[in-house]
């Protein structure tokens, strides 16, 4: 099934060489990131000797730094060119990652990962601006969809490599992983030189960060952040739900994650069709939210049933969830690209990413609390919440589109 999906996606990728080069960079980059995501906590607690609490605080600090810099980093990419910003930020990640081999003490660890977060946030905003620079408007969502597909496959390979190193279980194996990650960042940064230069956008009179005055777009960012909380359902909430509130066997947890990965690879580009304009994209996101709400209802039925019934329902819910996930993601990309002025794509995409980051930060605590503490009722609350947020997207996007037209009229005149 995965092979068939990749073959189908191959024909959907734009033929432009810059796009294919960009996807190759993503492949190298996410291979290293997938490896590190699986080993980060193990390295911090085993090799560096940090406590789980210290590691958690460090992750929170780094996430906060990345969050605060998303919009300014995107603005920087607009002003001096996304290729230059992407290249130097990724190259900088190489020595910053290798610095973890020399860290001694918690304070030094916090400094290193905080500076890493600066480089990471800058590189992410620049990559999103790079998509807007190398792809025409009617292909940007498709490129973003294929980026997600490539990322899923590559990160899975990285996680599998991490599994091998975890089996070895030695400090040498973990330290070698740090070097592999550093090399992945360096290679992806240098490969960026193969991309065409995207012309910087000259500054306009008035405030630099115009996105922070765009109230309709900020309203979309808030809604998108709330809706993006669903991404943590399969990773965080369902494993705890399966273990503590259902009779389903533990292997179901891995099966649900594997199913999600495969279906995202197979469906994401196809699900992005017809979402290049903000209006259709908003309706797609609303439909995705409804699918996610249906998934929550199905998950709510798995508590007081047999192991077999619970397992079947969990897989059915996971299918409904992934159908909503790919459609919601495509709609979100279409809205953020479509509403952003061409001279400010970097700061707008960085701000859109900031909303999703906030959603991911609050999701584990809120959604776990609802599911584990309130059971079936908690899942139903989630279903209503996701459906309501999805329903609010089309009118908010229509408001943003009207404001954009009003601003363009005096310019045209």
Protein backbone atom coordinates (compact mmCIF):
# COMPACT_ATOMS: atom_id res chain seq x y z
CA UNK A 1 0.00 0.00 0.00
CA UNK A 2 2.82 2.40 0.91
CA UNK A 3 4.67 1.65 -2.32
CA UNK A 4 1.53 2.28 -4.37
CA UNK A 5 0.95 5.54 -2.55
CA UNK A 6 4.50 6.76 -3.19
CA UNK A 7 4.20 5.87 -6.87
CA UNK A 8 1.00 7.86 -7.15
CA UNK A 9 2.55 10.81 -5.35
CA UNK A 10 5.56 10.85 -7.62
CA UNK A 11 3.46 12.00 -10.53
CA UNK A 12 1.83 14.69 -8.41
CA UNK A 13 5.09 16.46 -7.54
CA UNK A 14 5.73 19.59 -9.62
CA UNK A 15 8.39 18.92 -12.22
CA UNK A 16 10.35 22.11 -11.48
CA UNK A 17 13.94 21.17 -10.54
CA UNK A 18 14.07 23.67 -7.63
CA UNK A 19 11.10 21.94 -5.99
CA UNK A 20 12.71 18.53 -6.33
CA UNK A 21 15.96 19.89 -4.89
CA UNK A 22 14.01 21.39 -2.02
CA UNK A 23 12.40 18.02 -1.31
CA UNK A 24 15.82 16.37 -1.31
CA UNK A 25 16.95 18.86 1.33
CA UNK A 26 13.87 18.05 3.40
CA UNK A 27 14.68 14.34 3.08
CA UNK A 28 18.16 14.79 4.54
CA UNK A 29 17.01 17.21 7.21
CA UNK A 30 14.11 15.16 8.55
CA UNK A 31 16.18 11.98 8.60
CA UNK A 32 18.36 13.63 11.22
CA UNK A 33 15.39 15.12 13.02
CA UNK A 34 13.59 11.77 13.16
CA UNK A 35 16.69 10.17 14.64
CA UNK A 36 17.06 12.89 17.25
CA UNK A 37 13.38 13.00 18.24
CA UNK A 38 13.61 9.34 19.24
CA UNK A 39 16.90 9.76 21.15
CA UNK A 40 16.69 13.27 22.59
CA UNK A 41 15.25 12.30 25.97
CA UNK A 42 17.44 9.20 26.25
CA UNK A 43 20.61 11.18 25.52
CA UNK A 44 19.73 13.94 27.98
CA UNK A 45 18.92 11.60 30.85
CA UNK A 46 21.42 8.81 30.16
CA UNK A 47 24.52 10.53 28.80
CA UNK A 48 24.15 14.02 30.28
CA UNK A 49 22.66 12.78 33.55
CA UNK A 50 19.67 15.14 33.61
CA UNK A 51 16.54 14.31 35.53
CA UNK A 52 13.27 13.89 33.61
CA UNK A 53 12.07 17.13 35.17
CA UNK A 54 15.15 19.02 34.00
CA UNK A 55 14.73 17.63 30.51
CA UNK A 56 11.08 18.66 30.44
CA UNK A 57 11.92 22.21 31.51
CA UNK A 58 14.59 22.38 28.83
CA UNK A 59 12.15 21.27 26.14
CA UNK A 60 9.68 23.90 27.34
CA UNK A 61 12.31 26.67 27.29
CA UNK A 62 13.43 25.75 23.77
CA UNK A 63 9.83 25.61 22.56
CA UNK A 64 9.15 29.04 24.04
CA UNK A 65 12.20 30.56 22.32
CA UNK A 66 11.23 29.04 18.96
CA UNK A 67 7.67 30.28 19.41
CA UNK A 68 8.69 33.86 20.19
CA UNK A 69 11.01 34.10 17.19
CA UNK A 70 8.78 32.57 14.49
CA UNK A 71 7.45 35.90 13.19
CA UNK A 72 10.71 37.92 13.39
CA UNK A 73 12.58 35.04 11.72
CA UNK A 74 10.08 35.04 8.87
CA UNK A 75 10.47 38.80 8.52
CA UNK A 76 14.23 38.34 8.28
CA UNK A 77 13.74 35.82 5.47
CA UNK A 78 11.55 38.33 3.61
CA UNK A 79 14.12 41.10 3.90
CA UNK A 80 17.41 39.37 3.08
CA UNK A 81 16.12 36.36 1.13
CA UNK A 82 14.91 32.96 2.39
CA UNK A 83 17.70 30.94 0.76
CA UNK A 84 20.42 32.80 2.65
CA UNK A 85 18.55 32.54 5.95
CA UNK A 86 17.77 28.85 5.45
CA UNK A 87 21.36 28.01 4.56
CA UNK A 88 23.04 29.79 7.47
CA UNK A 89 20.52 28.70 10.09
CA UNK A 90 20.84 25.03 9.07
CA UNK A 91 24.63 25.25 8.91
CA UNK A 92 24.60 26.81 12.39
CA UNK A 93 22.57 23.86 13.69
CA UNK A 94 25.51 21.53 12.96
CA UNK A 95 27.98 22.89 15.56
CA UNK A 96 25.13 23.62 17.94
CA UNK A 97 24.08 19.95 17.79
CA UNK A 98 27.68 18.78 18.14
CA UNK A 99 28.03 21.04 21.18
CA UNK A 100 25.87 18.57 23.10
CA UNK A 101 28.91 16.28 23.10
CA UNK A 102 30.75 18.85 25.22
CA UNK A 103 27.94 19.97 27.52
CA UNK A 104 28.68 19.69 31.22
CA UNK A 105 26.01 20.85 33.63
CA UNK A 106 22.39 21.87 33.34
CA UNK A 107 23.03 25.59 32.74
CA UNK A 108 25.22 24.84 29.73
CA UNK A 109 22.57 22.45 28.41
CA UNK A 110 19.89 25.15 28.64
CA UNK A 111 22.10 27.64 26.81
CA UNK A 112 22.87 25.21 23.99
CA UNK A 113 19.29 24.10 23.37
CA UNK A 114 18.03 27.70 23.60
CA UNK A 115 20.46 28.84 20.89
CA UNK A 116 19.49 25.74 18.91
CA UNK A 117 15.87 26.87 19.17
CA UNK A 118 16.82 30.25 17.67
CA UNK A 119 18.44 28.55 14.67
CA UNK A 120 15.60 26.04 14.33
CA UNK A 121 12.86 28.68 14.36
CA UNK A 122 14.79 30.75 11.82
CA UNK A 123 15.32 27.79 9.49
CA UNK A 124 11.67 26.75 9.64
CA UNK A 125 10.32 30.20 8.78
CA UNK A 126 12.85 30.47 5.95
CA UNK A 127 11.85 27.07 4.52
CA UNK A 128 8.20 28.10 4.39
CA UNK A 129 9.13 31.38 2.71
CA UNK A 130 11.29 29.36 0.31
CA UNK A 131 8.26 27.34 -0.78
CA UNK A 132 6.46 30.59 -1.62
CA UNK A 133 9.53 31.74 -3.53
CA UNK A 134 10.19 28.69 -5.71
CA UNK A 135 6.61 27.53 -6.38
CA UNK A 136 3.82 29.47 -8.11
CA UNK A 137 0.70 30.14 -6.00
CA UNK A 138 -1.28 27.25 -7.50
CA UNK A 139 1.45 24.73 -6.55
CA UNK A 140 2.46 25.85 -3.06
CA UNK A 141 -0.02 23.70 -1.18
CA UNK A 142 0.92 20.67 -3.28
CA UNK A 143 4.60 21.27 -2.52
CA UNK A 144 3.83 21.64 1.19
CA UNK A 145 1.84 18.40 1.05
CA UNK A 146 4.69 16.53 -0.54
CA UNK A 147 7.09 18.02 1.99
CA UNK A 148 4.96 16.47 4.69
CA UNK A 149 4.95 13.12 2.90
CA UNK A 150 8.71 13.10 2.46
CA UNK A 151 9.13 14.18 6.08
CA UNK A 152 6.98 11.32 7.34
CA UNK A 153 8.92 8.72 5.39
CA UNK A 154 12.34 10.14 6.23
CA UNK A 155 11.59 10.70 9.91
CA UNK A 156 10.32 7.12 10.16
CA UNK A 157 13.64 5.89 8.75
CA UNK A 158 15.45 8.07 11.27
CA UNK A 159 13.36 6.67 14.10
CA UNK A 160 14.13 3.12 12.91
CA UNK A 161 17.84 3.93 13.00
CA UNK A 162 17.33 5.25 16.53
CA UNK A 163 15.74 1.91 17.41
CA UNK A 164 18.95 0.16 16.35
CA UNK A 165 21.05 2.48 18.50
CA UNK A 166 18.69 1.99 21.46
CA UNK A 167 19.14 -1.74 21.07
CA UNK A 168 22.91 -1.25 21.29
CA UNK A 169 22.28 0.96 24.30
CA UNK A 170 25.83 2.27 24.77
CA UNK A 171 26.97 5.83 25.38
CA UNK A 172 29.15 5.58 22.28
CA UNK A 173 26.11 4.73 20.17
CA UNK A 174 24.21 7.72 21.52
CA UNK A 175 27.13 10.09 20.95
CA UNK A 176 27.51 8.83 17.40
CA UNK A 177 23.85 9.73 16.83
CA UNK A 178 24.67 13.33 17.78
CA UNK A 179 27.31 13.41 15.05
CA UNK A 180 24.87 11.97 12.50
CA UNK A 181 22.33 14.66 13.38
CA UNK A 182 24.96 17.40 13.11
CA UNK A 183 26.02 16.08 9.70
CA UNK A 184 22.38 16.03 8.51
CA UNK A 185 22.02 19.71 9.41
CA UNK A 186 25.31 20.63 7.74
CA UNK A 187 24.48 18.67 4.58
CA UNK A 188 20.98 20.16 4.29
CA UNK A 189 22.41 23.66 4.80
CA UNK A 190 25.03 23.22 2.10
CA UNK A 191 22.51 21.62 -0.27
CA UNK A 192 20.48 24.81 0.05
CA UNK A 193 23.09 26.44 -2.20
CA UNK A 194 21.64 24.37 -5.05
CA UNK A 195 18.33 26.23 -4.75
CA UNK A 196 17.77 29.38 -6.79
CA UNK A 197 18.10 32.65 -4.95
CA UNK A 198 14.76 34.24 -4.07
CA UNK A 199 14.90 38.02 -4.27
CA UNK A 200 14.54 39.84 -0.94
CA UNK A 201 11.44 41.96 -0.52
CA UNK A 202 12.15 45.65 0.07
CA UNK A 203 10.84 47.16 3.26
CA UNK A 204 7.69 49.27 3.02
CA UNK A 205 6.84 52.39 5.02
CA UNK A 206 5.11 51.62 8.29
CA UNK A 207 5.46 48.87 10.90
CA UNK A 208 7.89 46.07 10.04
CA UNK A 209 5.82 43.16 11.37
CA UNK A 210 2.59 43.93 9.53
CA UNK A 211 1.15 40.51 10.31
CA UNK A 212 0.77 41.51 13.96
CA UNK A 213 -1.72 44.19 12.84
CA UNK A 214 -3.67 41.85 10.58
CA UNK A 215 -6.48 40.94 12.96
CA UNK A 216 -8.37 38.58 10.63
CA UNK A 217 -5.20 36.59 9.94
CA UNK A 218 -4.39 36.46 13.66
CA UNK A 219 -7.91 35.18 14.30
CA UNK A 220 -7.24 32.41 11.77
CA UNK A 221 -3.95 31.62 13.52
CA UNK A 222 -5.76 31.20 16.84
CA UNK A 223 -8.40 28.91 15.33
CA UNK A 224 -5.78 26.94 13.42
CA UNK A 225 -3.76 26.52 16.61
CA UNK A 226 -6.79 25.17 18.46
CA UNK A 227 -7.62 22.82 15.61
CA UNK A 228 -4.02 21.61 15.34
CA UNK A 229 -4.30 20.22 18.87
CA UNK A 230 -5.71 17.08 17.24
CA UNK A 231 -2.19 16.17 16.07
CA UNK A 232 -1.39 15.05 19.61
CA UNK A 233 -4.33 12.65 19.87
CA UNK A 234 -2.52 9.66 18.39
CA UNK A 235 0.89 10.49 19.82
CA UNK A 236 -0.04 11.33 23.42
CA UNK A 237 -3.70 10.87 24.30
CA UNK A 238 -4.61 7.55 22.68
CA UNK A 239 -1.65 5.60 24.10
CA UNK A 240 -2.71 6.62 27.61
CA UNK A 241 -6.36 5.96 26.77
CA UNK A 242 -5.62 2.48 25.47
CA UNK A 243 -3.52 1.62 28.53
CA UNK A 244 -5.78 2.99 31.24
CA UNK A 245 -9.37 3.15 29.97
CA UNK A 246 -9.83 0.35 27.41
CA UNK A 247 -9.30 -3.39 27.23
CA UNK A 248 -7.47 -3.22 23.90
CA UNK A 249 -4.03 -4.90 23.76
CA UNK A 250 -0.96 -2.68 23.92
CA UNK A 251 0.17 -3.53 20.39
CA UNK A 252 -2.78 -1.47 19.14
CA UNK A 253 -0.86 1.69 20.11
CA UNK A 254 1.92 0.94 17.64
CA UNK A 255 -0.61 -0.20 15.03
CA UNK A 256 -2.48 3.11 15.21
CA UNK A 257 0.70 5.14 14.74
CA UNK A 258 1.82 2.96 11.83
CA UNK A 259 -1.58 3.23 10.16
CA UNK A 260 -1.49 7.02 10.51
CA UNK A 261 1.99 7.26 8.99
CA UNK A 262 1.10 5.09 6.00
CA UNK A 263 -2.18 6.85 5.27
CA UNK A 264 -0.64 10.31 5.51
CA UNK A 265 1.98 9.26 2.95
CA UNK A 266 -0.67 7.83 0.65
CA UNK A 267 -3.32 10.54 1.01
CA UNK A 268 -1.73 13.91 1.79
CA UNK A 269 -1.03 15.19 -1.73
CA UNK A 270 -4.39 13.96 -3.02
CA UNK A 271 -6.14 15.61 -0.08
CA UNK A 272 -4.49 18.94 -0.92
CA UNK A 273 -6.17 19.26 -4.31
CA UNK A 274 -8.49 22.21 -4.65
CA UNK A 275 -7.13 24.04 -1.59
CA UNK A 276 -4.99 26.68 -3.29
CA UNK A 277 -7.46 29.50 -2.65
CA UNK A 278 -8.46 30.65 0.86
CA UNK A 279 -12.22 30.04 0.44
CA UNK A 280 -12.05 26.40 -0.71
CA UNK A 281 -9.17 25.81 1.74
CA UNK A 282 -11.31 27.01 4.64
CA UNK A 283 -14.11 24.66 3.64
CA UNK A 284 -11.61 21.81 3.38
CA UNK A 285 -10.35 22.57 6.88
CA UNK A 286 -13.94 22.61 8.13
CA UNK A 287 -14.56 19.20 6.58
CA UNK A 288 -11.36 17.91 8.15
CA UNK A 289 -12.47 19.20 11.54
CA UNK A 290 -15.76 17.32 11.20
CA UNK A 291 -13.88 14.09 10.43
CA UNK A 292 -11.75 14.64 13.54
CA UNK A 293 -14.92 15.21 15.57
CA UNK A 294 -16.33 11.91 14.26
CA UNK A 295 -13.07 10.20 15.27
CA UNK A 296 -13.46 11.55 18.82
CA UNK A 297 -16.99 10.18 18.99
CA UNK A 298 -15.75 6.75 17.86
CA UNK A 299 -12.94 6.82 20.43
CA UNK A 300 -15.50 7.62 23.13
CA UNK A 301 -17.22 4.27 22.46
CA UNK A 302 -14.14 2.15 23.26
CA UNK A 303 -14.19 2.31 27.05
CA UNK A 304 -16.69 -0.30 28.22
CA UNK A 305 -16.52 -2.89 25.43
CA UNK A 306 -14.58 -6.06 24.76
CA UNK A 307 -10.94 -5.99 23.70
CA UNK A 308 -11.81 -6.99 20.14
CA UNK A 309 -14.55 -4.38 19.80
CA UNK A 310 -12.35 -1.70 21.33
CA UNK A 311 -9.53 -2.54 18.92
CA UNK A 312 -11.81 -2.40 15.88
CA UNK A 313 -13.30 0.91 16.99
CA UNK A 314 -9.86 2.38 17.68
CA UNK A 315 -8.71 1.59 14.15
CA UNK A 316 -11.94 2.96 12.66
CA UNK A 317 -11.47 6.13 14.68
CA UNK A 318 -7.86 6.39 13.54
CA UNK A 319 -8.98 6.20 9.90
CA UNK A 320 -11.55 8.96 10.46
CA UNK A 321 -8.88 10.99 12.23
CA UNK A 322 -6.29 10.71 9.46
CA UNK A 323 -8.88 11.63 6.82
CA UNK A 324 -9.56 14.78 8.82
CA UNK A 325 -5.88 15.35 9.50
CA UNK A 326 -4.77 15.45 5.86
CA UNK A 327 -7.70 17.60 4.79
CA UNK A 328 -7.31 20.02 7.69
CA UNK A 329 -3.58 20.35 7.07
CA UNK A 330 -4.09 21.10 3.37
CA UNK A 331 -6.76 23.67 4.19
CA UNK A 332 -4.50 25.34 6.74
CA UNK A 333 -1.65 25.65 4.20
CA UNK A 334 -3.96 27.01 1.51
CA UNK A 335 -5.30 29.65 3.88
CA UNK A 336 -1.90 30.77 5.19
CA UNK A 337 -0.34 31.01 1.72
CA UNK A 338 -3.44 32.55 0.16
CA UNK A 339 -3.96 35.29 2.74
CA UNK A 340 -0.31 36.33 2.99
CA UNK A 341 0.92 39.30 0.91
CA UNK A 342 3.63 38.23 -1.52
CA UNK A 343 6.13 40.64 0.04
CA UNK A 344 5.57 39.20 3.54
CA UNK A 345 5.22 35.45 3.05
CA UNK A 346 8.00 34.75 5.53
CA UNK A 347 6.52 36.57 8.50
CA UNK A 348 3.01 35.33 7.71
CA UNK A 349 4.12 31.69 7.46
CA UNK A 350 6.18 32.06 10.62
CA UNK A 351 3.16 33.44 12.45
CA UNK A 352 0.94 30.64 11.17
CA UNK A 353 3.48 28.12 12.47
CA UNK A 354 3.42 29.89 15.82
CA UNK A 355 -0.31 29.19 16.17
CA UNK A 356 0.20 25.50 15.50
CA UNK A 357 3.07 25.45 18.02
CA UNK A 358 0.84 26.92 20.72
CA UNK A 359 -1.78 24.29 20.00
CA UNK A 360 0.77 21.51 20.34
CA UNK A 361 2.07 22.98 23.60
CA UNK A 362 -1.31 23.04 25.34
CA UNK A 363 -2.77 19.91 23.74
CA UNK A 364 -1.06 17.21 25.87
CA UNK A 365 -2.30 18.63 29.17
CA UNK A 366 -5.79 19.66 28.03
CA UNK A 367 -6.69 16.68 25.86
CA UNK A 368 -5.21 14.11 28.25
CA UNK A 369 -7.12 15.70 31.12
CA UNK A 370 -10.39 15.50 29.18
CA UNK A 371 -9.91 11.90 28.06
CA UNK A 372 -8.41 10.30 31.15
CA UNK A 373 -10.35 12.22 33.80
CA UNK A 374 -13.75 12.36 32.10
CA UNK A 375 -13.71 9.36 29.76
CA UNK A 376 -16.53 9.25 27.23
CA UNK A 377 -17.80 12.70 28.17
CA UNK A 378 -14.32 14.17 27.65
CA UNK A 379 -14.12 12.72 24.13
CA UNK A 380 -17.53 14.19 23.30
CA UNK A 381 -16.38 17.61 24.55
CA UNK A 382 -13.40 17.32 22.20
CA UNK A 383 -15.68 16.39 19.32
CA UNK A 384 -17.89 19.44 19.87
CA UNK A 385 -14.84 21.68 20.27
CA UNK A 386 -13.14 20.56 17.06
CA UNK A 387 -16.38 20.82 15.08
CA UNK A 388 -17.05 24.32 16.43
CA UNK A 389 -13.55 25.57 15.60
CA UNK A 390 -13.82 24.11 12.10
CA UNK A 391 -17.18 25.80 11.57
CA UNK A 392 -15.67 29.15 12.56
CA UNK A 393 -12.92 29.00 9.95
CA UNK A 394 -14.87 29.89 6.74
CA UNK A 395 -16.38 33.14 8.11
CA UNK A 396 -13.03 34.21 9.58
CA UNK A 397 -11.24 33.51 6.30
CA UNK A 398 -13.96 35.39 4.39
CA UNK A 399 -13.40 38.35 6.74
CA UNK A 400 -9.65 38.18 6.08
CA UNK A 401 -10.20 38.01 2.31
CA UNK A 402 -12.45 41.09 2.42
CA UNK A 403 -9.86 43.02 4.40
CA UNK A 404 -7.16 42.04 1.94
CA UNK A 405 -9.32 43.25 -0.98
CA UNK A 406 -10.03 46.54 0.79
CA UNK A 407 -6.32 47.13 1.33
CA UNK A 408 -5.57 46.35 -2.31
CA UNK A 409 -8.13 48.75 -3.77
CA UNK A 410 -6.35 52.01 -2.83
CA UNK A 411 -3.06 50.54 -4.09
CA UNK A 412 -4.64 49.64 -7.43
CA UNK A 413 -6.29 53.05 -7.69
